[in-house]
C-alpha atoms as a PDB file:
ATOM      1  CA  MET A   1     -18.629 -16.954 -45.518  1.00  0.00           C
ATOM      2  CA  ARG A   2     -19.465 -13.295 -46.058  1.00  0.00           C
ATOM      3  CA  ILE A   3     -22.566 -13.666 -43.847  1.00  0.00           C
ATOM      4  CA  ALA A   4     -20.498 -15.204 -41.044  1.00  0.00           C
ATOM      5  CA  ILE A   5     -17.968 -12.358 -41.137  1.00  0.00           C
ATOM      6  CA  THR A   6     -20.748  -9.755 -41.160  1.00  0.00           C
ATOM      7  CA  PHE A   7     -22.461 -11.458 -38.221  1.00  0.00           C
ATOM      8  CA  ALA A   8     -19.194 -11.606 -36.251  1.00  0.00           C
ATOM      9  CA  ALA A   9     -18.522  -7.907 -36.918  1.00  0.00           C
ATOM     10  CA  LEU A  10     -22.029  -6.943 -35.784  1.00  0.00           C
ATOM     11  CA  GLN A  11     -21.549  -8.798 -32.504  1.00  0.00           C
ATOM     12  CA  PHE A  12     -18.802  -6.342 -31.532  1.00  0.00           C
ATOM     13  CA  LEU A  13     -21.008  -3.361 -32.357  1.00  0.00           C
ATOM     14  CA  VAL A  14     -23.934  -4.419 -30.193  1.00  0.00           C
ATOM     15  CA  LEU A  15     -22.049  -5.587 -27.110  1.00  0.00           C
ATOM     16  CA  PRO A  16     -23.013  -3.472 -24.101  1.00  0.00           C
ATOM     17  CA  VAL A  17     -20.389  -0.958 -23.084  1.00  0.00           C
ATOM     18  CA  SER A  18     -20.547   0.562 -19.633  1.00  0.00           C
ATOM     19  CA  ALA A  19     -18.429   3.134 -17.858  1.00  0.00           C
ATOM     20  CA  GLN A  20     -17.064   2.323 -14.463  1.00  0.00           C
ATOM     21  CA  TRP A  21     -17.778   5.042 -11.912  1.00  0.00           C
ATOM     22  CA  VAL A  22     -15.826   4.982  -8.671  1.00  0.00           C
ATOM     23  CA  ILE A  23     -16.823   7.240  -5.788  1.00  0.00           C
ATOM     24  CA  GLN A  24     -13.907   9.360  -4.623  1.00  0.00           C
ATOM     25  CA  PRO A  25     -14.263  10.952  -1.163  1.00  0.00           C
ATOM     26  CA  SER A  26     -13.371  14.635  -1.499  1.00  0.00           C
ATOM     27  CA  GLY A  27     -13.356  15.542   2.187  1.00  0.00           C
ATOM     28  CA  THR A  28     -15.802  18.410   1.643  1.00  0.00           C
ATOM     29  CA  THR A  29     -19.549  18.895   1.841  1.00  0.00           C
ATOM     30  CA  ALA A  30     -19.467  21.604  -0.837  1.00  0.00           C
ATOM     31  CA  ARG A  31     -21.358  20.973  -4.052  1.00  0.00           C
ATOM     32  CA  LEU A  32     -18.695  20.532  -6.679  1.00  0.00           C
ATOM     33  CA  ARG A  33     -19.539  22.031 -10.063  1.00  0.00           C
ATOM     34  CA  GLY A  34     -16.295  22.150 -12.033  1.00  0.00           C
ATOM     35  CA  VAL A  35     -13.619  19.549 -12.665  1.00  0.00           C
ATOM     36  CA  SER A  36     -10.546  19.588 -14.887  1.00  0.00           C
ATOM     37  CA  ALA A  37      -7.574  17.256 -15.248  1.00  0.00           C
ATOM     38  CA  SER A  38      -4.234  18.462 -16.568  1.00  0.00           C
ATOM     39  CA  ASP A  39      -2.975  14.881 -16.896  1.00  0.00           C
ATOM     40  CA  GLY A  40      -3.732  11.404 -15.574  1.00  0.00           C
ATOM     41  CA  GLN A  41      -2.741  12.310 -12.020  1.00  0.00           C
ATOM     42  CA  VAL A  42      -3.456  16.012 -11.467  1.00  0.00           C
ATOM     43  CA  VAL A  43      -7.140  16.916 -11.097  1.00  0.00           C
ATOM     44  CA  TRP A  44      -8.713  20.168  -9.896  1.00  0.00           C
ATOM     45  CA  ALA A  45     -12.328  20.657  -8.746  1.00  0.00           C
ATOM     46  CA  SER A  46     -14.343  23.733  -7.761  1.00  0.00           C
ATOM     47  CA  GLY A  47     -17.701  24.452  -6.192  1.00  0.00           C
ATOM     48  CA  THR A  48     -19.803  26.278  -3.644  1.00  0.00           C
ATOM     49  CA  GLY A  49     -18.419  28.358  -0.800  1.00  0.00           C
ATOM     50  CA  GLY A  50     -15.296  29.228  -2.780  1.00  0.00           C
ATOM     51  CA  THR A  51     -14.194  25.590  -2.733  1.00  0.00           C
ATOM     52  CA  VAL A  52     -11.152  24.604  -4.761  1.00  0.00           C
ATOM     53  CA  LEU A  53      -9.721  21.091  -4.442  1.00  0.00           C
ATOM     54  CA  ARG A  54      -6.654  19.495  -5.988  1.00  0.00           C
ATOM     55  CA  SER A  55      -5.588  15.885  -6.327  1.00  0.00           C
ATOM     56  CA  VAL A  56      -2.107  14.883  -7.451  1.00  0.00           C
ATOM     57  CA  ASP A  57      -2.746  11.131  -7.305  1.00  0.00           C
ATOM     58  CA  GLY A  58      -5.550  10.670  -9.812  1.00  0.00           C
ATOM     59  CA  GLY A  59      -8.339  11.465  -7.325  1.00  0.00           C
ATOM     60  CA  ALA A  60      -7.377   9.062  -4.535  1.00  0.00           C
ATOM     61  CA  THR A  61      -6.844  11.977  -2.118  1.00  0.00           C
ATOM     62  CA  TRP A  62      -7.917  15.632  -2.300  1.00  0.00           C
ATOM     63  CA  ASN A  63      -6.501  18.764  -0.684  1.00  0.00           C
ATOM     64  CA  ARG A  64      -8.399  22.012  -0.284  1.00  0.00           C
ATOM     65  CA  ARG A  65      -6.735  25.065  -1.799  1.00  0.00           C
ATOM     66  CA  ILE A  66      -7.517  28.438  -0.241  1.00  0.00           C
ATOM     67  CA  VAL A  67      -8.713  31.308  -2.428  1.00  0.00           C
ATOM     68  CA  PRO A  68      -8.566  34.499  -0.311  1.00  0.00           C
ATOM     69  CA  ASP A  69     -11.934  36.216   0.280  1.00  0.00           C
ATOM     70  CA  ALA A  70     -13.843  33.622  -1.782  1.00  0.00           C
ATOM     71  CA  ASN A  71     -16.023  32.093   0.978  1.00  0.00           C
ATOM     72  CA  HIS A  72     -19.232  33.498  -0.552  1.00  0.00           C
ATOM     73  CA  LEU A  73     -18.415  32.700  -4.174  1.00  0.00           C
ATOM     74  CA  ASP A  74     -19.880  29.827  -6.178  1.00  0.00           C
ATOM     75  CA  PHE A  75     -17.223  28.536  -8.560  1.00  0.00           C
ATOM     76  CA  ARG A  76     -18.905  26.829 -11.511  1.00  0.00           C
ATOM     77  CA  ASP A  77     -15.880  25.935 -13.598  1.00  0.00           C
ATOM     78  CA  ILE A  78     -12.142  25.406 -13.315  1.00  0.00           C
ATOM     79  CA  GLU A  79      -9.417  24.878 -15.906  1.00  0.00           C
ATOM     80  CA  ALA A  80      -6.292  22.944 -14.891  1.00  0.00           C
ATOM     81  CA  PHE A  81      -2.890  23.804 -16.367  1.00  0.00           C
ATOM     82  CA  GLY A  82      -0.662  21.655 -14.163  1.00  0.00           C
ATOM     83  CA  THR A  83       0.175  20.751 -10.590  1.00  0.00           C
ATOM     84  CA  ARG A  84       0.400  24.354  -9.415  1.00  0.00           C
ATOM     85  CA  THR A  85      -1.914  26.293 -11.741  1.00  0.00           C
ATOM     86  CA  ALA A  86      -5.664  26.319 -12.332  1.00  0.00           C
ATOM     87  CA  TYR A  87      -8.069  29.143 -13.197  1.00  0.00           C
END
C-alpha cells in the first residue's frame, strides 16, 4: 500500500507543466524592455524611443502614454503603482 501511495504522489511531481503564452498586440514597433502590473488588469510597459504603454484590461488593448521630451530615451524598466501612476 505504501508503495502505491508513493508511486501516485510521484506521478504528480513529474507531470509536465507548461506556461501558456498569448501574444498581445501592443500597437507599437518599439522594443519593449520593461513591464509591470499593479493588479490583474492594469499593466504598464516601457521601451525604446521613450515608449510607455498602459493597459487597463489585462493586456487586451494598449494605449501609448506620452512622456514629454523622451523621444530619444531608452526606458529599460517601469514600476506600476496603479491605473494612473508608474515610474
